[in-house]
């Protein structure tokens, strides 16, 4: 299939992913390979974000969660962290009008209180401006860590146990899910990681229990529309069994479609 045919195939496929998460890795390495400063890679990575957000909206993908800045990223050199924070502010200011016009709804997860005032304020303003939009949900993970999110959920649940609102034996997977920051979102169907690293780096640890994982050797600044379409094509060729066997999946699909 050519690109247009593949786009149409994915757009009309009943099993196209609803929620996609991306670990955008390799900005710094891309820059170093080009003999450029690391921040140049982060700047170029914004172009990939723009392109992938655009194609998600075109294909009817409902939710895109981008691992924008992890809790562990605070350990990076201070100059790089400062540059990244400034880049976020400038990017939001530059892109917000177009995102709003395209009906994109911006949400965030993570510890926004850890962000510098200017960065936090720009994100909050973007969330407020787009909160009534009904198109693609662009969910940005900022100062985010999966373990921290689960810990925070445990604290909330523990307080309810102490208050007598929940009995310990009543704690279920659903209760835990409902105390995560992604409580209003379905779990990701597909996780994409760029730069060839085979690890999940503390990203949505609870939520990706049954997500399909796609790894590409391309660094994030090189990851473009054809690469994204290839990831979706790979996803649609897979059989998602959720602990069952193939015969059960076939029987269930027949029952649902009959």
C-alpha atoms as a PDB file:
ATOM      1  CA  UNK A   1       0.000   0.000   0.000  1.00  0.00           C
ATOM      2  CA  UNK A   2       1.125   3.541  -0.670  1.00  0.00           C
ATOM      3  CA  UNK A   3       0.911   6.180   2.065  1.00  0.00           C
ATOM      4  CA  UNK A   4      -2.579   7.373   1.143  1.00  0.00           C
ATOM      5  CA  UNK A   5      -3.932   3.828   0.981  1.00  0.00           C
ATOM      6  CA  UNK A   6      -2.346   3.001   4.326  1.00  0.00           C
ATOM      7  CA  UNK A   7      -3.835   6.108   5.917  1.00  0.00           C
ATOM      8  CA  UNK A   8      -7.300   5.168   4.652  1.00  0.00           C
ATOM      9  CA  UNK A   9      -6.840   1.556   5.793  1.00  0.00           C
ATOM     10  CA  UNK A  10      -5.919   2.648   9.319  1.00  0.00           C
ATOM     11  CA  UNK A  11      -8.597   5.340   9.524  1.00  0.00           C
ATOM     12  CA  UNK A  12     -11.348   2.884   8.599  1.00  0.00           C
ATOM     13  CA  UNK A  13     -10.033  -0.089  10.568  1.00  0.00           C
ATOM     14  CA  UNK A  14     -12.373  -1.037  13.445  1.00  0.00           C
ATOM     15  CA  UNK A  15      -9.427  -2.021  15.654  1.00  0.00           C
ATOM     16  CA  UNK A  16      -7.277   1.058  15.234  1.00  0.00           C
ATOM     17  CA  UNK A  17      -5.850   2.132  18.591  1.00  0.00           C
ATOM     18  CA  UNK A  18      -7.882   4.494  20.715  1.00  0.00           C
ATOM     19  CA  UNK A  19      -5.030   5.576  22.980  1.00  0.00           C
ATOM     20  CA  UNK A  20      -1.364   5.754  21.938  1.00  0.00           C
ATOM     21  CA  UNK A  21       1.517   6.574  24.244  1.00  0.00           C
ATOM     22  CA  UNK A  22       4.926   7.644  22.945  1.00  0.00           C
ATOM     23  CA  UNK A  23       8.277   7.613  24.730  1.00  0.00           C
ATOM     24  CA  UNK A  24      10.036  10.301  22.699  1.00  0.00           C
ATOM     25  CA  UNK A  25      13.644   9.210  23.078  1.00  0.00           C
ATOM     26  CA  UNK A  26      16.843  10.181  21.308  1.00  0.00           C
ATOM     27  CA  UNK A  27      16.738  13.960  20.910  1.00  0.00           C
ATOM     28  CA  UNK A  28      20.159  14.448  22.493  1.00  0.00           C
ATOM     29  CA  UNK A  29      21.771  11.538  20.662  1.00  0.00           C
ATOM     30  CA  UNK A  30      20.423  12.772  17.345  1.00  0.00           C
ATOM     31  CA  UNK A  31      21.998  16.175  17.997  1.00  0.00           C
ATOM     32  CA  UNK A  32      25.324  14.711  19.066  1.00  0.00           C
ATOM     33  CA  UNK A  33      25.483  12.604  15.904  1.00  0.00           C
ATOM     34  CA  UNK A  34      24.996  15.802  13.919  1.00  0.00           C
ATOM     35  CA  UNK A  35      27.667  17.655  15.905  1.00  0.00           C
ATOM     36  CA  UNK A  36      25.024  19.922  17.425  1.00  0.00           C
ATOM     37  CA  UNK A  37      24.257  20.849  21.046  1.00  0.00           C
ATOM     38  CA  UNK A  38      21.716  18.601  22.759  1.00  0.00           C
ATOM     39  CA  UNK A  39      19.089  21.335  22.904  1.00  0.00           C
ATOM     40  CA  UNK A  40      19.105  21.417  19.093  1.00  0.00           C
ATOM     41  CA  UNK A  41      17.745  17.874  19.191  1.00  0.00           C
ATOM     42  CA  UNK A  42      14.943  18.898  21.526  1.00  0.00           C
ATOM     43  CA  UNK A  43      14.088  21.800  19.227  1.00  0.00           C
ATOM     44  CA  UNK A  44      13.990  19.503  16.202  1.00  0.00           C
ATOM     45  CA  UNK A  45      11.885  17.028  18.166  1.00  0.00           C
ATOM     46  CA  UNK A  46       9.095  19.617  18.336  1.00  0.00           C
ATOM     47  CA  UNK A  47       8.672  19.213  14.572  1.00  0.00           C
ATOM     48  CA  UNK A  48       8.004  15.501  15.096  1.00  0.00           C
ATOM     49  CA  UNK A  49       5.476  16.276  17.825  1.00  0.00           C
ATOM     50  CA  UNK A  50       3.654  18.661  15.479  1.00  0.00           C
ATOM     51  CA  UNK A  51       3.570  16.075  12.681  1.00  0.00           C
ATOM     52  CA  UNK A  52       2.398  13.176  14.864  1.00  0.00           C
ATOM     53  CA  UNK A  53      -0.317  15.244  16.548  1.00  0.00           C
ATOM     54  CA  UNK A  54      -1.563  16.259  13.113  1.00  0.00           C
ATOM     55  CA  UNK A  55      -1.736  12.707  11.743  1.00  0.00           C
ATOM     56  CA  UNK A  56      -3.412  11.438  14.933  1.00  0.00           C
ATOM     57  CA  UNK A  57      -6.166  14.008  14.470  1.00  0.00           C
ATOM     58  CA  UNK A  58      -6.537  13.067  10.803  1.00  0.00           C
ATOM     59  CA  UNK A  59      -6.764   9.334  11.570  1.00  0.00           C
ATOM     60  CA  UNK A  60      -9.302   9.749  14.342  1.00  0.00           C
ATOM     61  CA  UNK A  61      -7.015   8.612  17.149  1.00  0.00           C
ATOM     62  CA  UNK A  62      -8.764   9.683  20.346  1.00  0.00           C
ATOM     63  CA  UNK A  63      -5.863  10.056  22.808  1.00  0.00           C
ATOM     64  CA  UNK A  64      -2.135  10.661  22.429  1.00  0.00           C
ATOM     65  CA  UNK A  65      -0.016  10.643  25.591  1.00  0.00           C
ATOM     66  CA  UNK A  66       3.496  12.022  25.160  1.00  0.00           C
ATOM     67  CA  UNK A  67       6.215  11.345  27.722  1.00  0.00           C
ATOM     68  CA  UNK A  68       7.380  14.935  27.690  1.00  0.00           C
ATOM     69  CA  UNK A  69       9.492  15.240  30.847  1.00  0.00           C
ATOM     70  CA  UNK A  70      10.026  12.499  33.420  1.00  0.00           C
ATOM     71  CA  UNK A  71      10.728  12.859  37.125  1.00  0.00           C
ATOM     72  CA  UNK A  72      14.149  11.362  36.397  1.00  0.00           C
ATOM     73  CA  UNK A  73      14.854  14.112  33.854  1.00  0.00           C
ATOM     74  CA  UNK A  74      15.353  16.559  36.736  1.00  0.00           C
ATOM     75  CA  UNK A  75      18.721  14.822  37.246  1.00  0.00           C
ATOM     76  CA  UNK A  76      20.015  16.203  33.933  1.00  0.00           C
ATOM     77  CA  UNK A  77      22.409  19.173  33.828  1.00  0.00           C
ATOM     78  CA  UNK A  78      20.750  22.337  35.105  1.00  0.00           C
ATOM     79  CA  UNK A  79      21.327  24.205  31.840  1.00  0.00           C
ATOM     80  CA  UNK A  80      19.562  21.476  29.854  1.00  0.00           C
ATOM     81  CA  UNK A  81      16.590  21.381  32.210  1.00  0.00           C
ATOM     82  CA  UNK A  82      16.275  25.189  32.043  1.00  0.00           C
ATOM     83  CA  UNK A  83      16.445  25.091  28.250  1.00  0.00           C
ATOM     84  CA  UNK A  84      13.755  22.403  28.130  1.00  0.00           C
ATOM     85  CA  UNK A  85      11.468  24.385  30.405  1.00  0.00           C
ATOM     86  CA  UNK A  86      11.873  27.471  28.222  1.00  0.00           C
ATOM     87  CA  UNK A  87      11.287  25.381  25.106  1.00  0.00           C
ATOM     88  CA  UNK A  88       8.003  24.114  26.535  1.00  0.00           C
ATOM     89  CA  UNK A  89       6.802  27.647  27.227  1.00  0.00           C
ATOM     90  CA  UNK A  90       7.734  28.882  23.758  1.00  0.00           C
ATOM     91  CA  UNK A  91       6.204  25.852  22.054  1.00  0.00           C
ATOM     92  CA  UNK A  92       2.884  26.145  23.871  1.00  0.00           C
ATOM     93  CA  UNK A  93       2.658  29.841  23.068  1.00  0.00           C
ATOM     94  CA  UNK A  94       3.471  29.230  19.421  1.00  0.00           C
ATOM     95  CA  UNK A  95       1.212  26.200  18.901  1.00  0.00           C
ATOM     96  CA  UNK A  96      -1.788  26.812  21.163  1.00  0.00           C
ATOM     97  CA  UNK A  97      -3.891  28.765  18.676  1.00  0.00           C
ATOM     98  CA  UNK A  98      -3.525  26.125  15.961  1.00  0.00           C
ATOM     99  CA  UNK A  99      -4.213  23.304  18.429  1.00  0.00           C
ATOM    100  CA  UNK A 100      -7.317  25.082  19.657  1.00  0.00           C
ATOM    101  CA  UNK A 101      -8.531  25.710  16.119  1.00  0.00           C
ATOM    102  CA  UNK A 102      -8.062  22.013  15.336  1.00  0.00           C
ATOM    103  CA  UNK A 103     -10.244  21.077  18.324  1.00  0.00           C
ATOM    104  CA  UNK A 104      -7.373  19.446  20.249  1.00  0.00           C
ATOM    105  CA  UNK A 105      -7.901  19.127  23.987  1.00  0.00           C
ATOM    106  CA  UNK A 106      -4.737  19.428  26.079  1.00  0.00           C
ATOM    107  CA  UNK A 107      -4.482  17.588  29.390  1.00  0.00           C
ATOM    108  CA  UNK A 108      -1.551  16.862  31.679  1.00  0.00           C
ATOM    109  CA  UNK A 109      -0.412  14.214  34.153  1.00  0.00           C
ATOM    110  CA  UNK A 110       2.507  14.384  36.541  1.00  0.00           C
ATOM    111  CA  UNK A 111       3.658  16.776  39.265  1.00  0.00           C
ATOM    112  CA  UNK A 112       3.036  20.144  37.635  1.00  0.00           C
ATOM    113  CA  UNK A 113       3.845  21.826  40.943  1.00  0.00           C
ATOM    114  CA  UNK A 114       7.501  20.900  40.334  1.00  0.00           C
ATOM    115  CA  UNK A 115       7.662  22.958  37.132  1.00  0.00           C
ATOM    116  CA  UNK A 116       8.984  26.550  37.071  1.00  0.00           C
ATOM    117  CA  UNK A 117       6.221  29.140  37.361  1.00  0.00           C
ATOM    118  CA  UNK A 118       6.332  30.195  33.705  1.00  0.00           C
ATOM    119  CA  UNK A 119       6.191  26.606  32.444  1.00  0.00           C
ATOM    120  CA  UNK A 120       3.431  25.593  34.845  1.00  0.00           C
ATOM    121  CA  UNK A 121       1.374  28.670  34.032  1.00  0.00           C
ATOM    122  CA  UNK A 122       1.651  28.168  30.272  1.00  0.00           C
ATOM    123  CA  UNK A 123       0.506  24.556  30.614  1.00  0.00           C
ATOM    124  CA  UNK A 124      -2.401  25.477  32.864  1.00  0.00           C
ATOM    125  CA  UNK A 125      -3.485  28.176  30.420  1.00  0.00           C
ATOM    126  CA  UNK A 126      -3.354  25.689  27.524  1.00  0.00           C
ATOM    127  CA  UNK A 127      -5.446  23.190  29.487  1.00  0.00           C
ATOM    128  CA  UNK A 128      -7.993  25.862  30.390  1.00  0.00           C
ATOM    129  CA  UNK A 129      -8.214  27.244  26.851  1.00  0.00           C
ATOM    130  CA  UNK A 130      -8.852  23.844  25.247  1.00  0.00           C
ATOM    131  CA  UNK A 131     -10.880  22.147  27.993  1.00  0.00           C
ATOM    132  CA  UNK A 132     -14.129  22.209  25.998  1.00  0.00           C
ATOM    133  CA  UNK A 133     -12.618  20.868  22.777  1.00  0.00           C
ATOM    134  CA  UNK A 134     -13.890  17.481  21.643  1.00  0.00           C
ATOM    135  CA  UNK A 135     -11.191  16.257  19.244  1.00  0.00           C
ATOM    136  CA  UNK A 136      -7.875  14.567  19.911  1.00  0.00           C
ATOM    137  CA  UNK A 137      -6.861  14.529  23.579  1.00  0.00           C
ATOM    138  CA  UNK A 138      -3.184  15.488  23.742  1.00  0.00           C
ATOM    139  CA  UNK A 139      -2.093  14.281  27.161  1.00  0.00           C
ATOM    140  CA  UNK A 140       1.320  15.580  28.245  1.00  0.00           C
ATOM    141  CA  UNK A 141       3.255  13.684  30.935  1.00  0.00           C
ATOM    142  CA  UNK A 142       5.258  16.372  32.752  1.00  0.00           C
ATOM    143  CA  UNK A 143       7.478  15.708  35.759  1.00  0.00           C
ATOM    144  CA  UNK A 144       5.847  12.299  35.552  1.00  0.00           C
ATOM    145  CA  UNK A 145       6.834   8.885  36.834  1.00  0.00           C
ATOM    146  CA  UNK A 146       4.757   5.717  36.899  1.00  0.00           C
ATOM    147  CA  UNK A 147       5.948   4.625  40.336  1.00  0.00           C
ATOM    148  CA  UNK A 148       5.234   8.063  41.765  1.00  0.00           C
ATOM    149  CA  UNK A 149       1.739   8.003  40.277  1.00  0.00           C
ATOM    150  CA  UNK A 150       0.988   4.612  41.855  1.00  0.00           C
ATOM    151  CA  UNK A 151       2.410   5.797  45.192  1.00  0.00           C
ATOM    152  CA  UNK A 152       0.185   8.872  45.081  1.00  0.00           C
ATOM    153  CA  UNK A 153      -2.828   6.647  44.391  1.00  0.00           C
ATOM    154  CA  UNK A 154      -1.944   4.455  47.384  1.00  0.00           C
ATOM    155  CA  UNK A 155      -1.770   7.529  49.625  1.00  0.00           C
ATOM    156  CA  UNK A 156      -5.220   8.687  48.482  1.00  0.00           C
ATOM    157  CA  UNK A 157      -6.708   5.239  49.039  1.00  0.00           C
ATOM    158  CA  UNK A 158      -5.025   4.892  52.444  1.00  0.00           C
ATOM    159  CA  UNK A 159      -6.578   8.164  53.582  1.00  0.00           C
ATOM    160  CA  UNK A 160     -10.015   6.864  52.565  1.00  0.00           C
ATOM    161  CA  UNK A 161      -9.379   3.628  54.484  1.00  0.00           C
ATOM    162  CA  UNK A 162      -8.408   5.606  57.592  1.00  0.00           C
ATOM    163  CA  UNK A 163     -11.543   7.730  57.189  1.00  0.00           C
ATOM    164  CA  UNK A 164     -13.672   4.585  56.996  1.00  0.00           C
ATOM    165  CA  UNK A 165     -14.772   5.276  53.425  1.00  0.00           C
ATOM    166  CA  UNK A 166     -13.184   2.070  52.083  1.00  0.00           C
ATOM    167  CA  UNK A 167     -12.496  -1.236  53.827  1.00  0.00           C
ATOM    168  CA  UNK A 168      -9.045  -2.733  53.095  1.00  0.00           C
ATOM    169  CA  UNK A 169     -10.636  -5.858  51.615  1.00  0.00           C
ATOM    170  CA  UNK A 170     -12.667  -3.688  49.250  1.00  0.00           C
ATOM    171  CA  UNK A 171      -9.576  -2.339  47.480  1.00  0.00           C
ATOM    172  CA  UNK A 172      -9.805  -3.605  43.909  1.00  0.00           C
ATOM    173  CA  UNK A 173      -8.033  -2.977  40.640  1.00  0.00           C
ATOM    174  CA  UNK A 174     -10.873  -0.647  39.684  1.00  0.00           C
ATOM    175  CA  UNK A 175     -10.415   1.404  42.849  1.00  0.00           C
ATOM    176  CA  UNK A 176      -6.690   1.727  42.161  1.00  0.00           C
ATOM    177  CA  UNK A 177      -7.393   2.650  38.522  1.00  0.00           C
ATOM    178  CA  UNK A 178      -9.846   5.314  39.633  1.00  0.00           C
ATOM    179  CA  UNK A 179      -7.220   6.974  41.835  1.00  0.00           C
ATOM    180  CA  UNK A 180      -4.611   7.272  39.090  1.00  0.00           C
ATOM    181  CA  UNK A 181      -4.178  10.510  37.182  1.00  0.00           C
ATOM    182  CA  UNK A 182      -5.418   8.760  34.052  1.00  0.00           C
ATOM    183  CA  UNK A 183      -8.662   7.649  35.694  1.00  0.00           C
ATOM    184  CA  UNK A 184     -10.735   9.303  32.953  1.00  0.00           C
ATOM    185  CA  UNK A 185      -8.726   7.741  30.117  1.00  0.00           C
ATOM    186  CA  UNK A 186      -8.698   4.203  28.728  1.00  0.00           C
ATOM    187  CA  UNK A 187      -5.423   2.319  28.999  1.00  0.00           C
ATOM    188  CA  UNK A 188      -3.068   2.764  26.032  1.00  0.00           C
ATOM    189  CA  UNK A 189      -3.490   0.253  23.225  1.00  0.00           C
ATOM    190  CA  UNK A 190      -0.050   0.967  21.808  1.00  0.00           C
ATOM    191  CA  UNK A 191       3.215   2.279  23.235  1.00  0.00           C
ATOM    192  CA  UNK A 192       5.816   3.552  20.751  1.00  0.00           C
ATOM    193  CA  UNK A 193       9.426   4.043  21.808  1.00  0.00           C
ATOM    194  CA  UNK A 194      11.985   5.684  19.563  1.00  0.00           C
ATOM    195  CA  UNK A 195      15.784   5.403  19.591  1.00  0.00           C
ATOM    196  CA  UNK A 196      15.911   1.619  19.860  1.00  0.00           C
ATOM    197  CA  UNK A 197      15.841   1.298  23.640  1.00  0.00           C
ATOM    198  CA  UNK A 198      13.925  -1.736  24.943  1.00  0.00           C
ATOM    199  CA  UNK A 199      12.624  -0.387  28.245  1.00  0.00           C
ATOM    200  CA  UNK A 200       9.576   1.523  29.420  1.00  0.00           C
ATOM    201  CA  UNK A 201      11.407   4.027  31.645  1.00  0.00           C
ATOM    202  CA  UNK A 202       8.781   4.381  34.373  1.00  0.00           C
ATOM    203  CA  UNK A 203       6.044   5.335  31.883  1.00  0.00           C
ATOM    204  CA  UNK A 204       2.404   4.488  32.721  1.00  0.00           C
ATOM    205  CA  UNK A 205       3.442   1.356  34.622  1.00  0.00           C
ATOM    206  CA  UNK A 206      -0.058   0.374  35.729  1.00  0.00           C
ATOM    207  CA  UNK A 207      -1.806   1.351  32.514  1.00  0.00           C
ATOM    208  CA  UNK A 208       0.362  -0.523  29.984  1.00  0.00           C
ATOM    209  CA  UNK A 209      -0.122  -4.014  31.408  1.00  0.00           C
ATOM    210  CA  UNK A 210      -1.659  -5.160  28.102  1.00  0.00           C
ATOM    211  CA  UNK A 211      -0.431  -2.480  25.719  1.00  0.00           C
ATOM    212  CA  UNK A 212       1.303  -3.504  22.519  1.00  0.00           C
ATOM    213  CA  UNK A 213       4.858  -2.162  22.315  1.00  0.00           C
ATOM    214  CA  UNK A 214       6.572  -0.934  19.167  1.00  0.00           C
ATOM    215  CA  UNK A 215      10.252   0.030  19.178  1.00  0.00           C
ATOM    216  CA  UNK A 216      12.022   1.818  16.336  1.00  0.00           C
ATOM    217  CA  UNK A 217      15.733   2.578  16.002  1.00  0.00           C
ATOM    218  CA  UNK A 218      14.968   6.072  14.738  1.00  0.00           C
ATOM    219  CA  UNK A 219      15.655   8.923  17.119  1.00  0.00           C
ATOM    220  CA  UNK A 220      12.641  11.104  17.908  1.00  0.00           C
ATOM    221  CA  UNK A 221      13.638  14.021  15.604  1.00  0.00           C
ATOM    222  CA  UNK A 222      13.731  11.499  12.718  1.00  0.00           C
ATOM    223  CA  UNK A 223      10.355   9.951  13.560  1.00  0.00           C
ATOM    224  CA  UNK A 224       7.828  11.198  11.038  1.00  0.00           C
ATOM    225  CA  UNK A 225       4.461  10.364   9.535  1.00  0.00           C
ATOM    226  CA  UNK A 226       5.615   7.256   7.557  1.00  0.00           C
ATOM    227  CA  UNK A 227       7.232   5.846  10.711  1.00  0.00           C
ATOM    228  CA  UNK A 228       4.066   6.441  12.712  1.00  0.00           C
ATOM    229  CA  UNK A 229       1.950   4.765  10.042  1.00  0.00           C
ATOM    230  CA  UNK A 230       4.341   1.790  10.084  1.00  0.00           C
ATOM    231  CA  UNK A 231       3.839   1.471  13.843  1.00  0.00           C
ATOM    232  CA  UNK A 232       0.059   1.486  13.417  1.00  0.00           C
ATOM    233  CA  UNK A 233       0.254  -1.053  10.600  1.00  0.00           C
ATOM    234  CA  UNK A 234       2.309  -3.329  12.859  1.00  0.00           C
ATOM    235  CA  UNK A 235      -0.251  -2.905  15.628  1.00  0.00           C
ATOM    236  CA  UNK A 236      -3.152  -3.868  13.364  1.00  0.00           C
ATOM    237  CA  UNK A 237      -1.377  -7.101  12.365  1.00  0.00           C
ATOM    238  CA  UNK A 238      -1.130  -8.266  15.960  1.00  0.00           C
ATOM    239  CA  UNK A 239      -3.579 -10.445  17.855  1.00  0.00           C
ATOM    240  CA  UNK A 240      -4.382  -9.018  21.276  1.00  0.00           C
ATOM    241  CA  UNK A 241      -5.351 -11.949  23.493  1.00  0.00           C
ATOM    242  CA  UNK A 242      -5.468 -10.414  26.984  1.00  0.00           C
ATOM    243  CA  UNK A 243      -4.574 -13.764  28.572  1.00  0.00           C
ATOM    244  CA  UNK A 244      -6.881 -15.823  26.351  1.00  0.00           C
ATOM    245  CA  UNK A 245      -6.000 -18.136  23.452  1.00  0.00           C
ATOM    246  CA  UNK A 246      -6.568 -17.470  19.764  1.00  0.00           C
ATOM    247  CA  UNK A 247      -9.676 -19.662  19.518  1.00  0.00           C
ATOM    248  CA  UNK A 248     -11.328 -17.700  22.303  1.00  0.00           C
ATOM    249  CA  UNK A 249     -10.582 -14.415  20.563  1.00  0.00           C
ATOM    250  CA  UNK A 250     -12.085 -15.713  17.308  1.00  0.00           C
ATOM    251  CA  UNK A 251     -15.213 -16.938  19.117  1.00  0.00           C
ATOM    252  CA  UNK A 252     -15.624 -13.651  20.982  1.00  0.00           C
ATOM    253  CA  UNK A 253     -15.229 -11.580  17.809  1.00  0.00           C
ATOM    254  CA  UNK A 254     -17.788 -13.757  16.034  1.00  0.00           C
ATOM    255  CA  UNK A 255     -20.262 -13.309  18.900  1.00  0.00           C
ATOM    256  CA  UNK A 256     -19.812  -9.519  19.000  1.00  0.00           C
ATOM    257  CA  UNK A 257     -20.092  -9.111  15.226  1.00  0.00           C
ATOM    258  CA  UNK A 258     -23.076 -11.449  14.757  1.00  0.00           C
END
